[in-house]
Protein backbone atom coordinates (compact mmCIF):
# COMPACT_ATOMS: atom_id res chain seq x y z
CA MET A 1 0.04 -0.02 -0.05
CA LYS A 2 1.21 3.51 -0.86
CA VAL A 3 0.51 6.41 1.49
CA LYS A 4 1.40 10.08 1.27
CA SER A 5 2.75 12.31 4.21
CA VAL A 6 1.89 16.04 4.59
CA ASP A 7 4.38 18.37 6.49
CA GLU A 8 3.55 21.45 8.59
CA SER A 9 3.52 23.78 5.54
CA GLY A 10 1.07 21.39 3.66
CA ASN A 11 3.52 19.83 1.22
CA ILE A 12 2.63 16.31 0.17
CA THR A 13 5.35 13.85 0.01
CA PRO A 14 4.46 10.87 -1.95
CA THR A 15 6.12 7.61 -0.15
CA VAL A 16 6.35 3.91 -1.38
CA THR A 17 6.93 2.50 1.69
CA PRO A 18 4.67 -0.60 2.44
CA VAL A 19 2.49 0.00 5.43
CA THR A 20 0.33 -2.86 7.14
CA PHE A 21 -2.86 -1.90 9.10
CA GLU A 22 -4.21 -4.37 11.62
CA ASN A 23 -7.22 -3.91 13.81
CA GLN A 24 -6.28 -3.44 17.53
CA GLN A 25 -9.94 -3.26 18.50
CA ALA A 26 -12.92 -5.76 19.32
CA ILE A 27 -16.33 -4.58 18.33
CA VAL A 28 -18.72 -5.68 21.13
CA ARG A 29 -22.54 -5.40 20.97
CA PHE A 30 -23.76 -5.15 24.56
CA THR A 31 -27.46 -5.85 25.22
CA LEU A 32 -28.19 -4.51 28.68
CA LEU A 33 -31.06 -6.28 30.97
CA ASP A 34 -31.68 -6.18 34.58
CA LYS A 35 -32.16 -9.40 36.51
CA ALA A 36 -35.86 -9.54 35.84
CA GLY A 37 -35.19 -9.38 32.10
CA ASN A 38 -36.20 -5.73 31.56
CA PRO A 39 -34.18 -3.53 29.17
CA ILE A 40 -31.70 -1.05 30.62
CA LYS A 41 -31.55 2.01 28.40
CA PRO A 42 -28.34 3.78 29.85
CA THR A 43 -27.70 7.46 29.32
CA GLN A 44 -23.96 6.48 30.21
CA LEU A 45 -22.23 3.24 30.00
CA THR A 46 -18.65 2.50 31.15
CA VAL A 47 -16.81 -0.32 30.28
CA SER A 48 -13.49 -1.19 32.07
CA PRO A 49 -11.64 -4.18 30.94
CA ALA A 50 -8.44 -4.75 32.75
CA VAL A 51 -5.41 -4.88 30.25
CA ASN A 52 -3.09 -6.65 32.79
CA GLY A 53 -0.02 -4.74 31.23
CA ALA A 54 0.07 -6.60 28.00
CA GLU A 55 1.97 -5.60 25.03
CA TYR A 56 0.18 -5.24 21.67
CA GLN A 57 2.24 -5.58 18.61
CA TYR A 58 1.77 -5.58 14.72
CA THR A 59 4.06 -5.17 11.65
CA GLY A 60 6.52 -2.58 12.33
CA GLN A 61 5.36 -1.05 15.47
CA LEU A 62 5.08 -1.70 19.24
CA ILE A 63 2.42 -0.31 21.09
CA LEU A 64 2.82 -0.41 25.19
CA SER A 65 -0.87 -0.63 26.63
CA ASP A 66 -2.10 1.45 29.49
CA THR A 67 -2.73 -0.35 32.79
CA ARG A 68 -6.51 -0.32 32.26
CA SER A 69 -8.50 0.71 29.10
CA VAL A 70 -11.84 2.42 29.93
CA VAL A 71 -14.36 3.22 27.73
CA THR A 72 -17.30 5.64 28.38
CA ILE A 73 -20.24 5.88 25.91
CA THR A 74 -22.92 8.20 25.99
CA PRO A 75 -25.78 7.21 23.67
CA ALA A 76 -27.11 10.21 21.86
CA ASN A 77 -30.38 8.93 21.55
CA ASN A 78 -30.71 7.86 25.14
CA THR A 79 -30.53 11.38 26.81
CA ASN A 80 -34.21 11.53 27.04
CA ALA A 81 -35.66 8.27 28.46
CA ALA A 82 -39.18 9.35 27.06
CA THR A 83 -38.25 9.02 23.46
CA ASP A 84 -39.18 5.87 21.40
CA ASP A 85 -35.67 5.36 19.90
CA ASP A 86 -33.75 5.02 23.17
CA THR A 87 -32.08 1.58 23.13
CA ASN A 88 -30.56 -0.83 25.43
CA VAL A 89 -28.08 -2.08 22.61
CA ILE A 90 -24.85 -0.52 22.95
CA PHE A 91 -22.04 -1.06 20.33
CA ALA A 92 -18.42 -0.56 21.62
CA ALA A 93 -14.93 -0.63 20.19
CA LEU A 94 -12.69 -2.05 22.84
CA ARG A 95 -9.01 -2.77 22.95
CA GLY A 96 -8.11 -6.52 22.93
CA VAL A 97 -8.00 -8.16 26.46
CA SER A 98 -7.17 -11.76 27.32
CA ASN A 99 -8.53 -13.53 30.64
CA SER A 100 -9.22 -9.99 31.99
CA ASP A 101 -11.74 -8.56 34.48
CA LEU A 102 -14.73 -6.72 33.01
CA THR A 103 -16.73 -4.27 34.77
CA LEU A 104 -19.76 -2.49 33.37
CA THR A 105 -21.34 0.52 34.85
CA ALA A 106 -24.82 1.83 33.43
CA THR A 107 -26.65 4.79 34.50
CA ALA A 108 -30.26 4.90 33.57
CA GLY A 109 -32.37 7.64 35.08
CA ASN A 110 -31.43 7.77 38.85
CA VAL A 111 -30.14 4.14 39.07
CA THR A 112 -26.61 3.11 38.47
CA TYR A 113 -26.32 -0.76 37.65
CA THR A 114 -23.28 -2.80 37.69
CA TYR A 115 -21.82 -5.96 36.10
CA SER A 116 -18.69 -7.80 36.56
CA ARG A 117 -17.12 -10.86 35.39
CA PRO A 118 -13.59 -12.38 35.51
CA GLY A 119 -11.74 -14.07 32.88
CA VAL A 120 -13.08 -12.33 29.74
CA THR A 121 -11.17 -12.42 26.44
CA PHE A 122 -12.08 -9.84 23.55
CA GLN A 123 -9.61 -10.74 20.45
CA HIS A 124 -8.93 -7.69 18.36
CA GLY A 125 -10.40 -7.82 15.15
CA GLN A 126 -13.26 -9.89 16.38
CA TYR A 127 -17.04 -8.93 16.73
CA TYR A 128 -19.13 -10.28 20.00
CA GLU A 129 -22.65 -10.10 20.73
CA VAL A 130 -23.11 -10.08 24.62
CA THR A 131 -26.12 -10.00 26.60
CA VAL A 132 -25.43 -8.75 30.07
CA LYS A 133 -28.03 -9.08 33.16
CA MET A 134 -27.07 -6.10 35.42
CA THR A 135 -27.81 -5.36 39.12
CA PRO A 136 -28.45 -2.06 40.79
CA ALA A 137 -25.58 -0.82 42.84
CA GLY A 138 -25.85 -2.04 46.40
CA ALA A 139 -28.11 -4.90 45.45
CA ILE A 140 -27.73 -8.75 45.56
CA PRO A 141 -28.32 -9.98 42.12
CA GLY A 142 -31.34 -12.47 42.94
CA VAL A 143 -34.91 -11.22 42.17
CA PHE A 144 -37.82 -11.93 44.71
CA SER A 145 -41.45 -11.65 44.22
CA VAL A 146 -43.41 -10.16 47.16
CA ASP A 147 -46.74 -10.28 45.61
CA GLY A 148 -48.55 -11.46 42.60
CA THR A 149 -46.75 -8.79 40.29
CA LYS A 150 -44.24 -7.05 42.02
CA LYS A 151 -40.28 -8.23 42.40
CA VAL A 152 -37.53 -6.74 44.42
CA TYR A 153 -33.92 -6.80 44.92
CA PHE A 154 -32.36 -7.00 48.57
CA SER A 155 -29.69 -4.51 49.59
CA LYS A 156 -26.20 -6.31 50.07
CA GLY A 157 -26.42 -5.87 53.80
CA ASN A 158 -28.45 -4.48 56.80
CA LEU A 159 -28.84 -0.83 57.08
CA GLN A 160 -26.22 1.15 59.11
CA ALA A 161 -25.82 4.51 60.59
CA THR A 162 -22.48 5.78 61.91
CA TRP A 163 -22.05 8.65 64.18
CA ASN A 164 -18.62 10.70 63.98
CA GLY A 165 -19.43 13.24 66.96
CA SER A 166 -21.18 15.69 64.66
CA ALA A 167 -22.93 14.05 62.11
CA TRP A 168 -24.40 10.69 60.72
CA THR A 169 -23.29 8.58 57.60
CA TRP A 170 -25.40 5.89 56.23
CA ALA A 171 -24.48 2.52 54.57
CA PHE A 172 -25.33 -0.85 53.89
CA ALA A 173 -23.23 -3.32 55.94
CA GLU A 174 -20.36 -4.68 53.85
CA HIS A 175 -21.30 -8.23 53.86
CA GLN A 176 -24.73 -9.79 54.36
CA TRP A 177 -23.76 -11.50 57.61
CA ASP A 178 -22.49 -8.31 59.35
CA TYR A 179 -24.25 -7.01 62.63
CA ILE A 180 -23.17 -4.52 65.45
CA GLY A 181 -24.97 -6.44 68.41
CA ALA A 182 -24.09 -5.14 71.81
CA GLU A 183 -21.20 -3.02 70.54
CA ALA A 184 -20.79 0.78 70.73
CA GLY A 185 -23.34 2.36 68.74
CA ASN A 186 -26.35 0.28 69.64
CA THR A 187 -25.38 0.66 73.34
CA SER A 188 -24.58 4.25 73.26
CA ILE A 189 -27.92 5.87 72.05
CA SER A 190 -28.15 9.03 74.33
CA GLY A 191 -31.31 10.25 73.02
CA ASN A 192 -32.92 11.56 69.87
CA GLY A 193 -30.42 11.12 67.13
CA THR A 194 -27.21 11.22 69.08
CA LEU A 195 -24.77 8.88 70.57
CA SER A 196 -22.66 9.31 73.66
CA SER A 197 -19.59 7.94 71.92
CA ASN A 198 -18.73 7.33 68.41
CA GLY A 199 -20.10 4.19 67.00
CA THR A 200 -22.44 2.43 64.46
CA VAL A 201 -26.14 1.82 65.00
CA ASP A 202 -27.95 -0.94 63.12
CA LEU A 203 -30.84 -1.73 65.45
CA PHE A 204 -33.58 1.06 65.04
CA GLY A 205 -37.09 1.85 66.49
CA TRP A 206 -39.71 1.94 63.96
CA SER A 207 -39.12 4.96 62.05
CA THR A 208 -41.33 8.05 62.57
CA GLY A 209 -40.43 11.62 61.98
CA ALA A 210 -40.38 12.30 65.50
CA THR A 211 -37.57 9.67 66.43
CA THR A 212 -34.95 10.68 63.93
CA LEU A 213 -35.30 7.43 61.84
CA GLY A 214 -35.49 5.19 65.03
CA ILE A 215 -32.07 6.40 66.70
CA HIS A 216 -33.76 7.07 69.91
CA ASN A 217 -33.40 5.38 73.57
CA ALA A 218 -36.89 6.14 74.67
CA GLN A 219 -38.97 3.10 75.89
CA ASN A 220 -42.44 4.77 75.69
CA TYR A 221 -45.09 4.71 72.97
CA ALA A 222 -45.58 8.52 72.91
CA ASP A 223 -42.05 9.00 71.00
CA TYR A 224 -42.82 6.58 68.44
CA SER A 225 -46.43 7.82 67.39
CA GLY A 226 -47.12 9.09 64.25
CA VAL A 227 -46.98 8.07 60.43
CA PHE A 228 -44.19 5.77 59.30
CA ALA A 229 -41.21 7.73 57.69
CA ASP A 230 -39.37 5.10 55.57
CA TRP A 231 -35.50 5.04 55.90
CA GLY A 232 -35.23 4.88 52.06
CA ASP A 233 -37.16 8.12 51.74
CA ASN A 234 -34.84 10.16 53.84
CA ASP A 235 -32.58 12.58 52.00
CA SER A 236 -29.68 11.91 54.65
CA VAL A 237 -30.04 8.13 54.01
CA LYS A 238 -30.28 8.60 50.29
CA ALA A 239 -26.77 10.46 50.33
CA GLY A 240 -25.26 7.21 51.63
CA ILE A 241 -27.15 4.38 49.79
CA GLY A 242 -28.62 5.82 46.86
CA THR A 243 -32.18 6.45 45.76
CA GLY A 244 -34.97 3.80 45.27
CA TRP A 245 -34.82 1.77 48.56
CA ARG A 246 -37.56 0.95 50.70
CA THR A 247 -38.94 -1.37 53.69
CA LEU A 248 -41.04 -4.43 52.90
CA SER A 249 -44.69 -4.13 54.13
CA ARG A 250 -46.05 -6.93 56.43
CA GLY A 251 -47.88 -8.46 53.30
CA GLU A 252 -44.76 -8.83 51.40
CA TRP A 253 -42.68 -10.26 54.14
CA LEU A 254 -45.44 -12.82 54.17
CA TYR A 255 -45.60 -13.52 50.53
CA LEU A 256 -41.68 -13.68 50.32
CA PHE A 257 -41.91 -16.59 52.63
CA ASN A 258 -45.20 -18.40 52.12
CA TYR A 259 -46.23 -17.96 48.18
CA ARG A 260 -43.05 -18.24 46.00
CA GLY A 261 -42.21 -21.87 44.71
CA ASP A 262 -41.05 -24.78 46.70
CA LYS A 263 -37.65 -23.63 47.86
CA ARG A 264 -37.96 -20.49 49.85
CA TYR A 265 -35.71 -20.24 52.86
CA THR A 266 -33.48 -22.21 55.17
CA LEU A 267 -33.38 -21.88 58.83
CA GLY A 268 -30.74 -22.60 61.53
CA GLN A 269 -27.50 -22.27 59.32
CA SER A 270 -24.72 -20.00 59.84
CA ILE A 271 -21.96 -17.96 57.65
CA HIS A 272 -19.00 -17.10 59.19
CA ASP A 273 -20.21 -18.32 62.48
CA VAL A 274 -23.25 -16.00 62.37
CA LEU A 275 -26.53 -17.88 62.65
CA GLY A 276 -29.23 -16.58 60.20
CA ILE A 277 -31.95 -17.32 57.49
CA VAL A 278 -31.19 -18.06 54.10
CA ILE A 279 -33.80 -17.02 51.38
CA TYR A 280 -33.61 -18.15 47.77
CA PRO A 281 -34.67 -16.10 44.91
CA ASP A 282 -37.49 -16.80 42.41
CA ASN A 283 -37.09 -19.99 40.49
CA TYR A 284 -33.81 -20.89 42.25
CA ALA A 285 -32.56 -24.44 41.18
CA GLY A 286 -29.44 -24.88 43.00
CA PRO A 287 -28.98 -26.81 46.41
CA GLU A 288 -29.97 -25.78 49.78
CA TYR A 289 -27.30 -23.81 51.92
CA ALA A 290 -25.91 -25.83 54.85
CA THR A 291 -23.33 -24.32 57.35
CA GLY A 292 -19.68 -24.87 55.82
CA ASN A 293 -20.73 -24.40 52.12
CA ASN A 294 -18.99 -22.03 50.06
CA TRP A 295 -21.42 -19.08 50.81
CA ALA A 296 -19.88 -17.03 47.88
CA THR A 297 -21.23 -19.05 45.32
CA PHE A 298 -24.81 -18.92 46.75
CA GLU A 299 -24.61 -15.03 47.09
CA ALA A 300 -23.50 -14.94 43.32
CA ALA A 301 -26.63 -17.01 42.74
CA GLY A 302 -28.51 -14.28 44.30
CA CYS A 303 -29.34 -15.89 47.84
CA VAL A 304 -29.95 -13.49 50.61
CA PHE A 305 -28.94 -13.96 54.12
CA LEU A 306 -30.38 -12.25 57.14
CA PRO A 307 -28.19 -12.30 60.15
CA ALA A 308 -29.70 -12.99 63.76
CA ALA A 309 -28.95 -9.48 65.11
CA GLY A 310 -31.14 -9.55 68.20
CA TYR A 311 -33.03 -6.63 69.30
CA ARG A 312 -32.47 -3.38 71.23
CA GLN A 313 -34.65 -1.88 74.47
CA GLY A 314 -33.15 1.73 75.18
CA THR A 315 -29.51 0.86 74.98
CA SER A 316 -29.57 -2.87 75.94
CA VAL A 317 -29.17 -5.38 73.03
CA ASN A 318 -30.85 -8.99 73.70
CA GLU A 319 -30.67 -12.23 71.80
CA ALA A 320 -28.04 -11.27 69.29
CA GLY A 321 -26.63 -14.20 67.67
CA THR A 322 -29.84 -16.34 68.22
CA SER A 323 -32.87 -14.22 67.00
CA GLY A 324 -33.31 -11.81 64.08
CA LEU A 325 -36.19 -9.34 63.79
CA TYR A 326 -36.62 -7.32 60.93
CA TRP A 327 -39.04 -4.39 60.69
CA ALA A 328 -42.04 -3.96 58.08
CA GLU A 329 -43.52 -0.72 57.09
CA THR A 330 -46.89 -1.67 58.37
CA SER A 331 -48.26 -0.51 61.88
CA ASP A 332 -50.25 -2.74 64.23
CA ASP A 333 -51.96 0.17 66.09
CA HIS A 334 -50.49 3.31 67.50
CA ASP A 335 -48.26 1.50 70.16
CA SER A 336 -46.75 -1.50 67.81
CA ALA A 337 -45.68 -2.30 64.23
CA HIS A 338 -45.22 -5.78 62.30
CA ASN A 339 -42.27 -7.29 61.69
CA MET A 340 -40.33 -10.52 60.67
CA LEU A 341 -39.01 -12.72 63.42
CA PHE A 342 -36.88 -15.95 63.27
CA ASN A 343 -34.51 -18.12 65.24
CA SER A 344 -32.96 -21.32 64.62
CA ASP A 345 -35.99 -23.15 64.52
CA ASP A 346 -39.15 -21.02 63.80
CA LEU A 347 -40.29 -18.18 61.29
CA PHE A 348 -43.02 -15.71 62.51
CA ILE A 349 -44.49 -13.35 60.16
CA ASN A 350 -48.28 -13.43 60.26
CA TYR A 351 -49.17 -12.40 64.02
CA THR A 352 -46.00 -10.76 65.28
CA ALA A 353 -46.00 -7.20 66.21
CA TRP A 354 -43.57 -5.49 68.55
CA SER A 355 -43.31 -2.12 70.48
CA ARG A 356 -42.29 0.62 68.05
CA TYR A 357 -39.69 1.72 70.43
CA ALA A 358 -37.82 -1.71 70.05
CA GLY A 359 -34.73 -1.63 67.97
CA LEU A 360 -34.91 -3.92 65.23
CA SER A 361 -32.67 -4.78 62.17
CA VAL A 362 -33.92 -2.93 58.90
CA ARG A 363 -33.12 -4.75 55.40
CA LEU A 364 -34.15 -2.38 52.67
CA VAL A 365 -35.16 -3.55 49.15
CA ARG A 366 -35.66 -1.86 45.80
CA ASN A 367 -38.30 -2.54 42.93
CA ALA A 368 -37.13 -4.93 40.16
CA ASN A 369 -40.10 -4.44 37.91
């Protein structure tokens, strides 16, 4: 092949040196879905395949790779989600990678979705079609029916609030089995929305606007009267965990455990020496979890674990490690509210209601359809 070169003055010089061009990119067609099979139509998609320091060589040239190759795509026709031509099919030109970790992050509306997969190979000069089922950030990948039509994701851990002496930060526990128990935080609540020493709270009174989202050591009903204020609706909480999270109702807890398929949950099993209940996603076809199994494989399949974190009265924590109590958004009367309760042998939902001032665990969900 003959080429011509142009100098700074615009002079054209013909050359006769043979030049070989080789494709150094793979073309990938991504079809983006959520775990329920709904299309994700992103306003932005970031693709991050690790390059592992590999060298790319073609005839006459040597190109040294960056340590990472990151491609950010902004589909022009997805900027307005209300248009008819927005799409969940995205084409990307990616540098070839071999046995590398692939991470996709998609922004659609106010939701961020993620997907990760190890050991991915994209050979340069090749075309690939990939269907990716993505999970909202902070969520376990399993999808769970909570009534005849509604499905949800569970958060990756119980809700936590950490006090630094002047302000709260909110987050999900790092692992599904994490809980605070009778440690600083739960045992140092000094009043409405403060702690006597720095720490983390994960046992909350039934949330009303008057009790700073349940961080209160009062043990009287009057302090917990009023309409329920969901943790997921609070701006301070959303600043830490993102938008779209909410608390299950009593009826949704009931449906989750009683009206989905044959394999719904397993009691009395431990993960990292923490007793809890394992909940299986819709249409789960794997084995039941038993203490000592590789939990990572169950979590990757979408299974949820709720730790037996006990309950709080004032600043006293009881039954941590033996019983789990999780709030529902549904009140029973002006004194009490519904919850889900379990131990190693039994599960109670239909008739259990606790005093609103009791500190119970909170596991938030977000809608999947």
